[in-house]
Protein backbone atom coordinates (compact mmCIF):
# COMPACT_ATOMS: atom_id res chain seq x y z
CA MET A 1 -6.69 9.65 -9.09
CA LEU A 2 -3.80 9.75 -8.08
CA SER A 3 -2.97 13.25 -8.79
CA ALA A 4 -6.02 14.37 -6.58
CA GLU A 5 -4.64 12.51 -3.80
CA LEU A 6 -0.73 14.32 -4.14
CA ALA A 7 -3.14 17.78 -3.34
CA LYS A 8 -4.37 16.42 -0.03
CA PRO A 9 -2.41 16.83 3.04
CA ALA A 10 0.40 14.57 4.19
CA ASN A 11 -0.91 11.48 6.00
CA PHE A 12 2.07 9.17 6.56
CA ALA A 13 5.53 9.70 7.79
CA GLY A 14 5.86 13.36 7.54
CA HIS A 15 5.48 14.07 3.66
CA TYR A 16 3.97 11.16 2.14
CA ARG A 17 0.49 10.40 1.25
CA MET A 18 -1.15 6.94 1.78
CA ALA A 19 -3.40 6.55 -0.89
CA LEU A 20 -5.84 4.19 -1.55
CA VAL A 21 -6.77 3.44 -5.28
CA GLY A 22 -10.39 1.50 -5.41
CA CYS A 23 -10.15 -1.79 -8.38
CA GLY A 24 -13.44 -3.14 -7.09
CA SER A 25 -15.99 -4.00 -4.24
CA ALA A 26 -13.61 -5.74 -2.10
CA CYS A 27 -10.41 -4.83 -3.89
CA GLY A 28 -8.04 -1.48 -3.75
CA VAL A 29 -4.49 -1.02 -4.09
CA HIS A 30 -3.05 1.46 -1.39
CA LYS A 31 0.00 3.66 -2.99
CA LEU A 32 2.53 5.78 -1.35
CA LEU A 33 2.94 9.29 -2.86
CA ASP A 34 6.07 11.35 -1.88
CA LYS A 35 4.22 14.97 -1.97
CA ASP A 36 7.85 16.67 -2.50
CA THR A 37 8.60 14.80 -5.57
CA GLY A 38 5.22 13.31 -6.73
CA LYS A 39 7.15 9.97 -6.94
CA VAL A 40 4.55 6.54 -6.52
CA TYR A 41 5.64 3.78 -4.48
CA ASP A 42 4.32 0.18 -3.83
CA THR A 43 3.13 -0.79 0.10
CA PRO A 44 2.88 -4.15 1.32
CA VAL A 45 -1.18 -4.05 1.05
CA SER A 46 -3.07 -6.68 -0.70
CA GLU A 47 -5.58 -5.93 -2.96
CA ASP A 48 -7.67 -7.98 -1.35
CA LEU A 49 -9.04 -5.69 1.53
CA MET A 50 -10.95 -8.66 3.26
CA LEU A 51 -7.70 -9.55 4.83
CA TYR A 52 -7.35 -6.87 6.84
CA SER A 53 -9.66 -5.76 9.41
CA SER A 54 -7.62 -2.51 9.29
CA VAL A 55 -4.37 -0.78 7.75
CA GLU A 56 -3.12 1.74 10.29
CA PHE A 57 -0.59 4.55 9.55
CA SER A 58 0.11 8.05 10.50
CA VAL A 59 1.81 11.24 9.30
CA SER A 60 4.24 11.28 12.19
CA SER A 61 5.46 7.68 11.77
CA PRO A 62 7.40 5.37 9.18
CA ASP A 63 5.17 2.34 10.38
CA LEU A 64 2.61 0.69 8.97
CA VAL A 65 0.39 -1.63 10.66
CA LEU A 66 -1.90 -4.24 9.01
CA ARG A 67 -4.19 -5.97 11.36
CA LEU A 68 -5.27 -9.28 9.68
CA THR A 69 -8.86 -10.44 9.56
CA GLY A 70 -7.93 -13.80 11.28
CA GLY A 71 -5.91 -12.00 14.04
CA GLY A 72 -2.28 -11.01 14.31
CA ALA A 73 -0.51 -8.06 12.50
CA GLU A 74 2.26 -7.65 9.99
CA THR A 75 3.94 -4.35 10.86
CA TYR A 76 6.40 -3.07 8.11
CA ARG A 77 8.80 0.51 8.05
CA TRP A 78 8.92 2.72 5.66
CA ASN A 79 12.80 3.50 5.13
CA GLY A 80 13.15 5.81 2.14
CA SER A 81 12.68 3.70 -0.77
CA VAL A 82 10.89 0.46 0.51
CA PHE A 83 9.12 -1.12 3.19
CA VAL A 84 10.78 -3.25 5.31
CA ARG A 85 8.96 -5.90 7.91
CA LEU A 86 9.81 -5.82 11.45
């Protein structure tokens, strides 16, 4: 599954691919893939996708925004090795 995601274009922070791997009907694991090295990183996104109204990211930004179903948001910035909450 992750090898298929690595073949797709970058969609996060320049050369990374944010991938969603399903694990059930309302369950999914977001992984960050480095398209240059193939390294896989964990993200701060919970497996319980019902917690979020949206998970927002862009190829032109290192920021990951988690919009919470109950209102509010959490913003994280990728520093090249881990996500740091802002």
